[in-house]
Amino acid sequence: MKPHDQADEASRVDGASFRLDWNAAAGQARQASFRRLRALGVGDDEEEAELRSSGAFGEGSRSVDDEPAALVYDSNLDPHLLATVRAGSRPARQLTFESRDLVLELEISGAGRLMGQLVPPQAAVVELRHRAGTTSLDTDELGCFHVQDMPPGPVSFRCQPADFAAQAVATSWIAL
């Protein structure tokens, strides 16, 4: 039998067993996600290649101690705002990531400037993770921070509240 790093054997309720190839299943799930994004007009082959090359899907994208923050709003997917894009004006992109105890609101302008705020407002260190490394940003007492020049390619954010008793929060990777 193979070691557990490549495939595992699982039992069904009826007692029969079958082989699970976790690496193949993960690859198929990623491909299905990219197909859905392309069908929505969100992703393209260039973004997919950037995300793959960044290691965004690999291990180490967040610590096991970090609470995941889910993307709950993206203005690029808002049908009401898509009508204004077709009309010619492109508003700033707005993103909202939400975890159990913290919300991260982001606004990215076309000029590559990012403004962010933590809700509830609090002092924290926000790490902007990108292909070239990590940029640490301190929030003010209202939880606000900004970046003048966003690095190209996929990014992820990790927030460590100043109250170290609070759990750090990490977002998934997203192409801006």
C-alpha atoms as a PDB file:
ATOM      1  CA  MET A   1       0.000   0.000   0.000  1.00  0.00           C
ATOM      2  CA  LYS A   2       1.223   3.550  -0.801  1.00  0.00           C
ATOM      3  CA  PRO A   3       2.184   5.961   1.953  1.00  0.00           C
ATOM      4  CA  HIS A   4      -0.528   8.408   3.038  1.00  0.00           C
ATOM      5  CA  ASP A   5       1.096  11.399   1.306  1.00  0.00           C
ATOM      6  CA  GLN A   6      -0.338  10.620  -2.131  1.00  0.00           C
ATOM      7  CA  ALA A   7      -3.481   8.576  -1.582  1.00  0.00           C
ATOM      8  CA  ASP A   8      -5.582   7.281   1.264  1.00  0.00           C
ATOM      9  CA  GLU A   9      -7.860   4.304   1.508  1.00  0.00           C
ATOM     10  CA  ALA A  10     -11.365   5.088   2.715  1.00  0.00           C
ATOM     11  CA  SER A  11     -14.181   2.816   3.773  1.00  0.00           C
ATOM     12  CA  ARG A  12     -17.751   3.100   2.649  1.00  0.00           C
ATOM     13  CA  VAL A  13     -20.708   2.356   4.874  1.00  0.00           C
ATOM     14  CA  ASP A  14     -21.144  -1.027   3.204  1.00  0.00           C
ATOM     15  CA  GLY A  15     -17.598  -2.044   4.209  1.00  0.00           C
ATOM     16  CA  ALA A  16     -16.076  -1.765   0.717  1.00  0.00           C
ATOM     17  CA  SER A  17     -12.982   0.370   0.366  1.00  0.00           C
ATOM     18  CA  PHE A  18     -11.831   2.667  -2.380  1.00  0.00           C
ATOM     19  CA  ARG A  19      -8.729   4.753  -3.088  1.00  0.00           C
ATOM     20  CA  LEU A  20      -8.766   8.548  -2.767  1.00  0.00           C
ATOM     21  CA  ASP A  21      -6.167  10.535  -4.669  1.00  0.00           C
ATOM     22  CA  TRP A  22      -6.211  13.847  -2.787  1.00  0.00           C
ATOM     23  CA  ASN A  23      -3.794  15.597  -5.159  1.00  0.00           C
ATOM     24  CA  ALA A  24      -5.948  14.812  -8.211  1.00  0.00           C
ATOM     25  CA  ALA A  25      -9.145  15.808  -6.397  1.00  0.00           C
ATOM     26  CA  ALA A  26      -7.662  19.156  -5.365  1.00  0.00           C
ATOM     27  CA  GLY A  27      -6.514  19.826  -8.926  1.00  0.00           C
ATOM     28  CA  GLN A  28      -9.946  19.009 -10.306  1.00  0.00           C
ATOM     29  CA  ALA A  29     -11.597  21.327  -7.764  1.00  0.00           C
ATOM     30  CA  ARG A  30      -9.240  24.188  -8.742  1.00  0.00           C
ATOM     31  CA  GLN A  31      -9.957  23.648 -12.426  1.00  0.00           C
ATOM     32  CA  ALA A  32     -13.723  23.665 -11.766  1.00  0.00           C
ATOM     33  CA  SER A  33     -13.374  26.924  -9.817  1.00  0.00           C
ATOM     34  CA  PHE A  34     -11.468  28.575 -12.660  1.00  0.00           C
ATOM     35  CA  ARG A  35     -14.083  27.401 -15.168  1.00  0.00           C
ATOM     36  CA  ARG A  36     -16.832  28.970 -13.039  1.00  0.00           C
ATOM     37  CA  LEU A  37     -14.892  32.234 -12.713  1.00  0.00           C
ATOM     38  CA  ARG A  38     -14.265  32.388 -16.465  1.00  0.00           C
ATOM     39  CA  ALA A  39     -17.975  31.755 -17.106  1.00  0.00           C
ATOM     40  CA  LEU A  40     -18.742  34.753 -14.879  1.00  0.00           C
ATOM     41  CA  GLY A  41     -16.161  36.827 -16.736  1.00  0.00           C
ATOM     42  CA  VAL A  42     -14.077  37.233 -13.586  1.00  0.00           C
ATOM     43  CA  GLY A  43     -10.958  35.173 -14.140  1.00  0.00           C
ATOM     44  CA  ASP A  44      -8.758  34.807 -17.144  1.00  0.00           C
ATOM     45  CA  ASP A  45      -5.839  32.613 -18.061  1.00  0.00           C
ATOM     46  CA  GLU A  46      -3.352  35.315 -17.063  1.00  0.00           C
ATOM     47  CA  GLU A  47      -4.807  35.626 -13.555  1.00  0.00           C
ATOM     48  CA  GLU A  48      -4.920  31.850 -13.213  1.00  0.00           C
ATOM     49  CA  ALA A  49      -1.255  31.585 -14.203  1.00  0.00           C
ATOM     50  CA  GLU A  50      -0.313  34.319 -11.706  1.00  0.00           C
ATOM     51  CA  LEU A  51      -2.175  32.608  -8.881  1.00  0.00           C
ATOM     52  CA  ARG A  52      -0.560  29.257  -9.711  1.00  0.00           C
ATOM     53  CA  SER A  53       2.956  30.748  -9.922  1.00  0.00           C
ATOM     54  CA  SER A  54       2.514  32.675  -6.677  1.00  0.00           C
ATOM     55  CA  GLY A  55       2.010  29.473  -4.718  1.00  0.00           C
ATOM     56  CA  ALA A  56      -1.332  30.810  -3.544  1.00  0.00           C
ATOM     57  CA  PHE A  57      -2.802  27.315  -3.637  1.00  0.00           C
ATOM     58  CA  GLY A  58       0.129  25.706  -1.936  1.00  0.00           C
ATOM     59  CA  GLU A  59       0.682  25.120   1.706  1.00  0.00           C
ATOM     60  CA  GLY A  60       1.816  28.057   3.801  1.00  0.00           C
ATOM     61  CA  SER A  61      -0.705  30.511   2.407  1.00  0.00           C
ATOM     62  CA  ARG A  62      -1.918  31.013   5.987  1.00  0.00           C
ATOM     63  CA  SER A  63      -0.972  29.738   9.392  1.00  0.00           C
ATOM     64  CA  VAL A  64      -3.088  27.090  11.062  1.00  0.00           C
ATOM     65  CA  ASP A  65      -3.478  29.572  13.926  1.00  0.00           C
ATOM     66  CA  ASP A  66      -5.023  32.236  11.659  1.00  0.00           C
ATOM     67  CA  GLU A  67      -8.776  32.467  11.408  1.00  0.00           C
ATOM     68  CA  PRO A  68      -9.823  32.495   7.736  1.00  0.00           C
ATOM     69  CA  ALA A  69     -11.632  35.583   6.475  1.00  0.00           C
ATOM     70  CA  ALA A  70     -14.080  34.817   3.661  1.00  0.00           C
ATOM     71  CA  LEU A  71     -14.662  37.132   0.723  1.00  0.00           C
ATOM     72  CA  VAL A  72     -18.290  38.219   1.184  1.00  0.00           C
ATOM     73  CA  TYR A  73     -18.449  41.144  -1.281  1.00  0.00           C
ATOM     74  CA  ASP A  74     -16.617  42.068  -4.478  1.00  0.00           C
ATOM     75  CA  SER A  75     -17.863  45.086  -6.430  1.00  0.00           C
ATOM     76  CA  ASN A  76     -16.580  43.451  -9.637  1.00  0.00           C
ATOM     77  CA  LEU A  77     -19.350  40.871  -9.204  1.00  0.00           C
ATOM     78  CA  ASP A  78     -22.119  43.324  -8.233  1.00  0.00           C
ATOM     79  CA  PRO A  79     -24.706  43.324 -11.075  1.00  0.00           C
ATOM     80  CA  HIS A  80     -25.796  46.897 -10.266  1.00  0.00           C
ATOM     81  CA  LEU A  81     -22.252  48.190 -10.628  1.00  0.00           C
ATOM     82  CA  LEU A  82     -21.608  46.174 -13.811  1.00  0.00           C
ATOM     83  CA  ALA A  83     -24.143  48.409 -15.602  1.00  0.00           C
ATOM     84  CA  THR A  84     -22.046  51.510 -14.813  1.00  0.00           C
ATOM     85  CA  VAL A  85     -18.900  49.786 -16.067  1.00  0.00           C
ATOM     86  CA  ARG A  86     -20.589  49.203 -19.420  1.00  0.00           C
ATOM     87  CA  ALA A  87     -21.579  52.880 -19.479  1.00  0.00           C
ATOM     88  CA  GLY A  88     -17.908  53.856 -19.401  1.00  0.00           C
ATOM     89  CA  SER A  89     -17.142  54.902 -15.832  1.00  0.00           C
ATOM     90  CA  ARG A  90     -15.146  52.459 -13.713  1.00  0.00           C
ATOM     91  CA  PRO A  91     -15.617  52.927  -9.963  1.00  0.00           C
ATOM     92  CA  ALA A  92     -13.033  51.907  -7.389  1.00  0.00           C
ATOM     93  CA  ARG A  93     -13.141  48.204  -6.591  1.00  0.00           C
ATOM     94  CA  GLN A  94     -14.503  47.377  -3.163  1.00  0.00           C
ATOM     95  CA  LEU A  95     -13.878  44.116  -1.323  1.00  0.00           C
ATOM     96  CA  THR A  96     -15.143  42.867   2.027  1.00  0.00           C
ATOM     97  CA  PHE A  97     -13.591  39.946   3.886  1.00  0.00           C
ATOM     98  CA  GLU A  98     -15.345  38.677   6.990  1.00  0.00           C
ATOM     99  CA  SER A  99     -14.298  36.438   9.852  1.00  0.00           C
ATOM    100  CA  ARG A 100     -15.997  35.613  13.118  1.00  0.00           C
ATOM    101  CA  ASP A 101     -14.677  38.692  14.993  1.00  0.00           C
ATOM    102  CA  LEU A 102     -13.279  40.992  12.305  1.00  0.00           C
ATOM    103  CA  VAL A 103     -14.287  42.553   8.988  1.00  0.00           C
ATOM    104  CA  LEU A 104     -11.713  43.880   6.519  1.00  0.00           C
ATOM    105  CA  GLU A 105     -13.051  46.535   4.109  1.00  0.00           C
ATOM    106  CA  LEU A 106     -10.841  47.386   1.107  1.00  0.00           C
ATOM    107  CA  GLU A 107     -11.106  49.943  -1.707  1.00  0.00           C
ATOM    108  CA  ILE A 108      -8.683  49.777  -4.630  1.00  0.00           C
ATOM    109  CA  SER A 109      -8.515  52.684  -7.057  1.00  0.00           C
ATOM    110  CA  GLY A 110      -7.497  52.398 -10.696  1.00  0.00           C
ATOM    111  CA  ALA A 111      -4.243  54.180  -9.834  1.00  0.00           C
ATOM    112  CA  GLY A 112      -3.086  51.263  -7.669  1.00  0.00           C
ATOM    113  CA  ARG A 113      -3.921  52.875  -4.328  1.00  0.00           C
ATOM    114  CA  LEU A 114      -5.502  50.800  -1.606  1.00  0.00           C
ATOM    115  CA  MET A 115      -7.378  52.043   1.435  1.00  0.00           C
ATOM    116  CA  GLY A 116      -8.501  49.628   4.110  1.00  0.00           C
ATOM    117  CA  GLN A 117     -10.257  49.568   7.446  1.00  0.00           C
ATOM    118  CA  LEU A 118     -10.809  46.982  10.139  1.00  0.00           C
ATOM    119  CA  VAL A 119     -14.266  46.702  11.698  1.00  0.00           C
ATOM    120  CA  PRO A 120     -14.588  46.984  14.628  1.00  0.00           C
ATOM    121  CA  PRO A 121     -11.991  49.792  14.527  1.00  0.00           C
ATOM    122  CA  GLN A 122      -8.779  48.812  16.276  1.00  0.00           C
ATOM    123  CA  ALA A 123      -5.027  49.106  16.135  1.00  0.00           C
ATOM    124  CA  ALA A 124      -3.409  46.187  14.328  1.00  0.00           C
ATOM    125  CA  VAL A 125      -0.582  45.170  12.040  1.00  0.00           C
ATOM    126  CA  VAL A 126      -1.798  44.290   8.549  1.00  0.00           C
ATOM    127  CA  GLU A 127       0.519  42.219   6.375  1.00  0.00           C
ATOM    128  CA  LEU A 128       0.055  42.665   2.629  1.00  0.00           C
ATOM    129  CA  ARG A 129       1.401  39.427   1.135  1.00  0.00           C
ATOM    130  CA  HIS A 130       2.383  39.397  -2.529  1.00  0.00           C
ATOM    131  CA  ARG A 131       4.778  37.690  -4.957  1.00  0.00           C
ATOM    132  CA  ALA A 132       7.729  39.846  -3.923  1.00  0.00           C
ATOM    133  CA  GLY A 133       7.228  39.202  -0.202  1.00  0.00           C
ATOM    134  CA  THR A 134       5.334  40.849   2.620  1.00  0.00           C
ATOM    135  CA  THR A 135       4.693  44.504   3.431  1.00  0.00           C
ATOM    136  CA  SER A 136       3.727  45.309   7.030  1.00  0.00           C
ATOM    137  CA  LEU A 137       1.313  48.181   7.630  1.00  0.00           C
ATOM    138  CA  ASP A 138       0.218  49.652  10.955  1.00  0.00           C
ATOM    139  CA  THR A 139      -3.384  50.748  11.282  1.00  0.00           C
ATOM    140  CA  ASP A 140      -4.344  53.914  13.103  1.00  0.00           C
ATOM    141  CA  GLU A 141      -6.671  53.911  16.129  1.00  0.00           C
ATOM    142  CA  LEU A 142      -9.668  53.782  13.731  1.00  0.00           C
ATOM    143  CA  GLY A 143      -8.329  50.624  12.066  1.00  0.00           C
ATOM    144  CA  CYS A 144      -7.471  52.460   8.808  1.00  0.00           C
ATOM    145  CA  PHE A 145      -4.425  51.841   6.597  1.00  0.00           C
ATOM    146  CA  HIS A 146      -3.376  52.624   3.041  1.00  0.00           C
ATOM    147  CA  VAL A 147      -0.939  51.533   0.348  1.00  0.00           C
ATOM    148  CA  GLN A 148       0.205  53.998  -2.322  1.00  0.00           C
ATOM    149  CA  ASP A 149       1.484  51.493  -4.904  1.00  0.00           C
ATOM    150  CA  MET A 150      -0.123  48.055  -4.905  1.00  0.00           C
ATOM    151  CA  PRO A 151       2.232  45.334  -6.109  1.00  0.00           C
ATOM    152  CA  PRO A 152       1.125  43.587  -9.304  1.00  0.00           C
ATOM    153  CA  GLY A 153      -0.387  40.118  -9.168  1.00  0.00           C
ATOM    154  CA  PRO A 154      -2.276  38.216  -6.506  1.00  0.00           C
ATOM    155  CA  VAL A 155      -2.333  39.455  -2.914  1.00  0.00           C
ATOM    156  CA  SER A 156      -3.502  38.258   0.480  1.00  0.00           C
ATOM    157  CA  PHE A 157      -3.924  40.051   3.790  1.00  0.00           C
ATOM    158  CA  ARG A 158      -3.183  38.964   7.354  1.00  0.00           C
ATOM    159  CA  CYS A 159      -4.372  41.079  10.288  1.00  0.00           C
ATOM    160  CA  GLN A 160      -2.866  40.740  13.755  1.00  0.00           C
ATOM    161  CA  PRO A 161      -4.795  42.899  16.245  1.00  0.00           C
ATOM    162  CA  ALA A 162      -2.667  44.858  18.758  1.00  0.00           C
ATOM    163  CA  ASP A 163      -4.524  42.945  21.465  1.00  0.00           C
ATOM    164  CA  PHE A 164      -2.532  39.739  21.057  1.00  0.00           C
ATOM    165  CA  ALA A 165      -5.248  37.823  22.870  1.00  0.00           C
ATOM    166  CA  ALA A 166      -7.319  38.308  19.692  1.00  0.00           C
ATOM    167  CA  GLN A 167      -6.801  35.772  16.929  1.00  0.00           C
ATOM    168  CA  ALA A 168      -4.997  36.784  13.730  1.00  0.00           C
ATOM    169  CA  VAL A 169      -7.135  36.747  10.588  1.00  0.00           C
ATOM    170  CA  ALA A 170      -5.964  35.854   7.067  1.00  0.00           C
ATOM    171  CA  THR A 171      -7.724  36.289   3.719  1.00  0.00           C
ATOM    172  CA  SER A 172      -7.549  34.054   0.709  1.00  0.00           C
ATOM    173  CA  TRP A 173      -5.448  35.126  -2.279  1.00  0.00           C
ATOM    174  CA  ILE A 174      -7.118  37.396  -4.797  1.00  0.00           C
ATOM    175  CA  ALA A 175      -5.975  38.985  -8.046  1.00  0.00           C
ATOM    176  CA  LEU A 176      -6.523  42.715  -7.947  1.00  0.00           C
END
